Amino acid sequence: MTFHTHGFTDTGCVRSENQDRIALLDALGCFAVLDGMGGQRCGDVAAEIALTVFRNYIESSRDPGEVTWPFGYNVGLSLDANRLLTSIRLANRQVSRRADQDLKCAGMGTTVAAVVSRGDRLAIANVGDSRIYRLRAAHLEPLSVDDTMAALMVNKGVIALENVPAHPMRGVLMQAIGLHGEVDVHLREETVLGGDLILLCSDGLYGAVDAPTIAAVLGGAGPLEVRMKDLLGLALHAGASDNVSAIAIEYIAD
């Protein structure tokens, strides 16, 4: 199984700075989108620290015998899922430490949505509300879990799923990287097929462009780079009120 990738990050139409970060580590099969939060509370700092820590551990853990596993090793998970879990937990620890050291950064944090691809296996992890989707046979399916108050209300039966986009609690995060203590990382592993497309994105994209439109654009003809440019264009045309970031991984059967 081989893949082709393309990513973008854009300030959007309203914000004055871009607090999103993306990682395209094609050689490692690792990709991530982070959405820093806190505004004046150093959201960009949180995302940058988290990305640096995440990337460094993913790179160093290519050989599992050459690194320590500071939070232990879960034998029920694959190596790549353990790498994602440890990288994110390390990032959480470092962001929270920095917040403790600098009062102006108190309360800063970041989301993360990340995958590691190896052959036909995909390890998936997220914290916060940046999302991971799979486009298969024109069907766009979320593979991540939103850590928002609105999502919790759906799970509790308080509101209906179709009411989430307009709900005032849709963007209120229940957890993010930068929390004190341990973060609950959502993990899953999937098999990918030729023709699948995996999309990682911040809420700046899916908040501006609905799922059917995302599926139609990414499932269309033409080079991946052009389809992704069209997707960004739609978000900006819709007046994207947040930073807009996305990475697409398109799989090709050998």
Protein backbone atom coordinates (compact mmCIF):
# COMPACT_ATOMS: atom_id res chain seq x y z
CA MET A 1 0.00 0.00 0.00
CA THR A 2 1.40 3.40 -0.97
CA PHE A 3 0.01 6.85 -0.27
CA HIS A 4 0.10 10.40 -1.55
CA THR A 5 -0.32 13.36 0.81
CA HIS A 6 -1.01 17.07 0.81
CA GLY A 7 -1.64 19.53 3.61
CA PHE A 8 -2.33 23.20 4.24
CA THR A 9 -2.74 25.64 7.10
CA ASP A 10 -4.24 29.10 6.73
CA THR A 11 -5.03 31.98 9.08
CA GLY A 12 -8.61 32.17 7.80
CA CYS A 13 -10.74 35.27 7.32
CA VAL A 14 -11.05 36.65 10.85
CA ARG A 15 -8.10 35.72 13.07
CA SER A 16 -4.96 37.88 13.02
CA GLU A 17 -2.56 34.98 13.57
CA ASN A 18 -2.40 31.28 12.85
CA GLN A 19 -2.33 29.14 16.00
CA ASP A 20 -2.73 25.87 14.08
CA ARG A 21 0.22 23.60 13.34
CA ILE A 22 0.52 20.62 11.00
CA ALA A 23 3.08 17.84 10.65
CA LEU A 24 3.63 15.92 7.42
CA LEU A 25 6.26 13.28 8.18
CA ASP A 26 5.85 11.20 5.04
CA ALA A 27 9.00 9.17 5.62
CA LEU A 28 7.65 8.10 9.02
CA GLY A 29 4.06 7.67 7.85
CA CYS A 30 3.04 10.13 10.57
CA PHE A 31 0.71 13.11 10.21
CA ALA A 32 -0.82 15.50 12.72
CA VAL A 33 -3.00 18.60 12.99
CA LEU A 34 -2.92 20.74 16.14
CA ASP A 35 -5.18 23.69 16.97
CA GLY A 36 -3.76 25.94 19.67
CA MET A 37 -6.23 27.68 21.93
CA GLY A 38 -6.21 30.47 24.44
CA GLY A 39 -6.03 33.56 22.24
CA GLN A 40 -3.81 35.90 24.25
CA ARG A 41 -3.01 32.91 26.42
CA CYS A 42 -0.37 31.58 24.03
CA GLY A 43 -2.34 29.11 21.93
CA ASP A 44 0.40 29.24 19.32
CA VAL A 45 3.00 28.47 21.98
CA ALA A 46 1.02 25.45 23.16
CA ALA A 47 0.67 24.09 19.64
CA GLU A 48 4.35 24.66 18.84
CA ILE A 49 5.57 22.96 22.04
CA ALA A 50 3.19 20.05 21.56
CA LEU A 51 4.21 19.60 17.93
CA THR A 52 7.92 19.67 18.75
CA VAL A 53 7.60 17.11 21.55
CA PHE A 54 5.27 14.92 19.49
CA ARG A 55 7.53 14.95 16.43
CA ASN A 56 10.71 14.29 18.41
CA TYR A 57 9.30 11.21 20.12
CA ILE A 58 7.74 9.83 16.93
CA GLU A 59 11.11 10.18 15.23
CA SER A 60 13.15 8.67 18.07
CA SER A 61 10.76 5.75 18.60
CA ARG A 62 11.19 4.33 15.10
CA ASP A 63 13.43 1.81 16.87
CA PRO A 64 11.46 0.93 20.02
CA GLY A 65 14.56 -0.48 21.67
CA GLU A 66 16.29 2.88 21.53
CA VAL A 67 13.77 4.82 23.64
CA THR A 68 12.22 4.63 27.07
CA TRP A 69 8.46 4.36 27.53
CA PRO A 70 7.85 6.88 30.35
CA PHE A 71 4.19 5.93 30.76
CA GLY A 72 4.67 2.21 30.22
CA TYR A 73 3.88 0.09 27.16
CA ASN A 74 0.38 -1.23 26.47
CA VAL A 75 0.81 -4.74 25.05
CA GLY A 76 -2.78 -4.68 23.86
CA LEU A 77 -1.91 -1.95 21.34
CA SER A 78 0.34 -1.97 18.30
CA LEU A 79 3.77 -0.36 18.41
CA ASP A 80 2.50 2.63 16.42
CA ALA A 81 -0.50 3.15 18.70
CA ASN A 82 1.88 3.11 21.68
CA ARG A 83 4.09 5.65 19.91
CA LEU A 84 1.14 7.97 19.37
CA LEU A 85 -0.10 7.55 22.93
CA THR A 86 3.31 8.25 24.47
CA SER A 87 4.02 11.21 22.16
CA ILE A 88 0.73 12.89 23.04
CA ARG A 89 1.09 12.26 26.76
CA LEU A 90 4.61 13.72 26.67
CA ALA A 91 3.31 16.75 24.79
CA ASN A 92 0.61 17.23 27.42
CA ARG A 93 3.20 17.15 30.19
CA GLN A 94 5.46 19.71 28.51
CA VAL A 95 2.69 22.15 27.62
CA SER A 96 1.31 22.08 31.17
CA ARG A 97 4.81 22.64 32.59
CA ARG A 98 5.33 25.68 30.36
CA ALA A 99 1.97 27.09 31.45
CA ASP A 100 3.07 26.77 35.07
CA GLN A 101 6.30 28.66 34.34
CA ASP A 102 4.74 31.61 32.52
CA LEU A 103 1.66 33.29 34.00
CA LYS A 104 0.64 34.85 30.69
CA CYS A 105 0.35 31.31 29.29
CA ALA A 106 -1.86 30.00 32.08
CA GLY A 107 -4.77 28.10 30.58
CA MET A 108 -3.18 27.58 27.18
CA GLY A 109 -3.72 24.32 25.37
CA THR A 110 -4.02 22.63 22.01
CA THR A 111 -5.97 19.91 20.30
CA VAL A 112 -4.24 17.12 18.40
CA ALA A 113 -5.39 14.69 15.73
CA ALA A 114 -2.70 12.31 14.56
CA VAL A 115 -2.14 9.08 12.66
CA VAL A 116 0.69 6.69 11.94
CA SER A 117 0.37 4.68 8.73
CA ARG A 118 2.27 1.44 8.15
CA GLY A 119 1.34 -0.81 5.24
CA ASP A 120 -2.41 -1.34 5.38
CA ARG A 121 -2.65 -0.51 9.09
CA LEU A 122 -3.50 2.88 10.54
CA ALA A 123 -3.11 3.93 14.18
CA ILE A 124 -5.34 6.89 15.06
CA ALA A 125 -5.28 9.24 18.08
CA ASN A 126 -6.96 12.48 19.05
CA VAL A 127 -7.58 14.85 21.94
CA GLY A 128 -9.89 17.84 21.60
CA ASP A 129 -12.04 18.61 18.58
CA SER A 130 -9.65 18.41 15.64
CA ARG A 131 -10.99 15.53 13.57
CA ILE A 132 -9.93 12.52 11.55
CA TYR A 133 -12.23 11.29 8.77
CA ARG A 134 -12.10 8.36 6.36
CA LEU A 135 -13.51 8.80 2.86
CA ARG A 136 -14.35 5.38 1.45
CA ALA A 137 -16.64 4.78 -1.54
CA ALA A 138 -17.93 8.38 -1.35
CA HIS A 139 -18.87 7.97 2.34
CA LEU A 140 -17.18 10.33 4.82
CA GLU A 141 -16.94 8.73 8.27
CA PRO A 142 -15.47 10.29 11.42
CA LEU A 143 -12.79 8.15 13.08
CA SER A 144 -12.00 10.54 15.93
CA VAL A 145 -13.96 11.52 19.04
CA ASP A 146 -14.91 15.15 19.77
CA ASP A 147 -14.03 16.20 23.31
CA THR A 148 -16.71 18.89 23.41
CA MET A 149 -19.61 19.63 25.71
CA ALA A 150 -22.01 19.29 22.77
CA ALA A 151 -20.67 15.82 21.93
CA LEU A 152 -21.09 14.79 25.57
CA MET A 153 -24.67 16.06 25.47
CA VAL A 154 -25.32 13.93 22.38
CA ASN A 155 -23.92 10.87 24.15
CA LYS A 156 -26.18 11.57 27.14
CA GLY A 157 -29.22 11.98 24.90
CA VAL A 158 -29.69 15.63 25.84
CA ILE A 159 -29.51 16.92 22.26
CA ALA A 160 -29.71 15.31 18.83
CA LEU A 161 -26.60 14.91 16.66
CA GLU A 162 -28.07 17.10 13.91
CA ASN A 163 -28.36 19.98 16.37
CA VAL A 164 -24.63 20.07 17.21
CA PRO A 165 -23.47 22.47 14.43
CA ALA A 166 -25.74 25.24 15.70
CA HIS A 167 -25.43 24.49 19.43
CA PRO A 168 -23.68 27.15 21.59
CA MET A 169 -21.64 24.45 23.39
CA ARG A 170 -20.27 22.91 20.18
CA GLY A 171 -16.84 24.52 20.65
CA VAL A 172 -16.50 24.15 24.43
CA LEU A 173 -13.71 21.64 25.00
CA MET A 174 -13.84 19.10 27.80
CA GLN A 175 -10.13 18.33 27.48
CA ALA A 176 -7.07 19.37 25.50
CA ILE A 177 -3.29 19.00 25.53
CA GLY A 178 -2.01 21.16 28.39
CA LEU A 179 -4.20 19.80 31.15
CA HIS A 180 -2.59 18.96 34.47
CA GLY A 181 -2.60 15.25 35.16
CA GLU A 182 -3.18 12.56 32.59
CA VAL A 183 -5.02 13.24 29.35
CA ASP A 184 -7.52 10.71 27.98
CA VAL A 185 -6.22 9.98 24.48
CA HIS A 186 -8.79 8.49 22.09
CA LEU A 187 -7.13 5.61 20.22
CA ARG A 188 -8.25 3.21 17.52
CA GLU A 189 -6.66 1.12 14.79
CA GLU A 190 -8.03 0.52 11.31
CA THR A 191 -7.23 -1.34 8.11
CA VAL A 192 -6.98 0.89 5.04
CA LEU A 193 -7.95 -0.10 1.50
CA GLY A 194 -6.77 1.14 -1.86
CA GLY A 195 -8.83 4.20 -2.74
CA ASP A 196 -9.32 5.27 0.87
CA LEU A 197 -8.61 8.86 1.80
CA ILE A 198 -7.86 9.92 5.38
CA LEU A 199 -8.48 13.56 6.28
CA LEU A 200 -7.14 15.26 9.41
CA CYS A 201 -8.48 18.77 10.02
CA SER A 202 -9.04 21.51 12.55
CA ASP A 203 -12.52 22.81 13.35
CA GLY A 204 -11.80 25.78 11.12
CA LEU A 205 -12.41 23.51 8.14
CA TYR A 206 -15.40 21.40 9.17
CA GLY A 207 -17.00 24.41 10.84
CA ALA A 208 -17.01 26.25 7.51
CA VAL A 209 -17.59 23.39 5.04
CA ASP A 210 -20.17 20.68 5.70
CA ALA A 211 -19.40 16.96 5.48
CA PRO A 212 -21.24 16.27 2.19
CA THR A 213 -19.30 19.06 0.49
CA ILE A 214 -15.98 17.84 1.91
CA ALA A 215 -16.76 14.34 0.61
CA ALA A 216 -17.76 15.64 -2.83
CA VAL A 217 -14.63 17.74 -3.23
CA LEU A 218 -12.14 15.16 -1.98
CA GLY A 219 -13.86 12.35 -3.85
CA GLY A 220 -13.74 14.25 -7.13
CA ALA A 221 -11.32 13.97 -10.01
CA GLY A 222 -7.97 15.66 -10.38
CA PRO A 223 -4.72 15.78 -8.39
CA LEU A 224 -4.99 15.70 -4.61
CA GLU A 225 -3.25 19.08 -4.38
CA VAL A 226 -5.96 20.68 -6.53
CA ARG A 227 -8.80 19.11 -4.55
CA MET A 228 -7.27 20.30 -1.29
CA LYS A 229 -6.80 23.81 -2.72
CA ASP A 230 -10.48 23.79 -3.71
CA LEU A 231 -11.42 22.71 -0.18
CA LEU A 232 -9.48 25.58 1.37
CA GLY A 233 -11.04 27.95 -1.12
CA LEU A 234 -14.53 26.88 -0.05
CA ALA A 235 -13.68 27.44 3.62
CA LEU A 236 -12.35 30.93 2.90
CA HIS A 237 -15.33 31.75 0.67
CA ALA A 238 -17.58 30.76 3.59
CA GLY A 239 -15.78 33.36 5.72
CA ALA A 240 -13.74 30.91 7.85
CA SER A 241 -13.83 32.46 11.30
CA ASP A 242 -10.98 30.30 12.62
CA ASN A 243 -7.63 29.07 11.36
CA VAL A 244 -8.11 26.39 8.72
CA SER A 245 -5.80 23.36 8.57
CA ALA A 246 -6.00 19.95 6.94
CA ILE A 247 -3.93 16.99 5.77
CA ALA A 248 -5.16 14.40 3.26
CA ILE A 249 -3.63 10.94 2.85
CA GLU A 250 -4.78 9.14 -0.28
CA TYR A 251 -4.06 5.40 -0.49
CA ILE A 252 -3.16 3.54 -3.65
CA ALA A 253 -3.21 -0.27 -3.83
CA ASP A 254 0.12 -1.76 -4.96
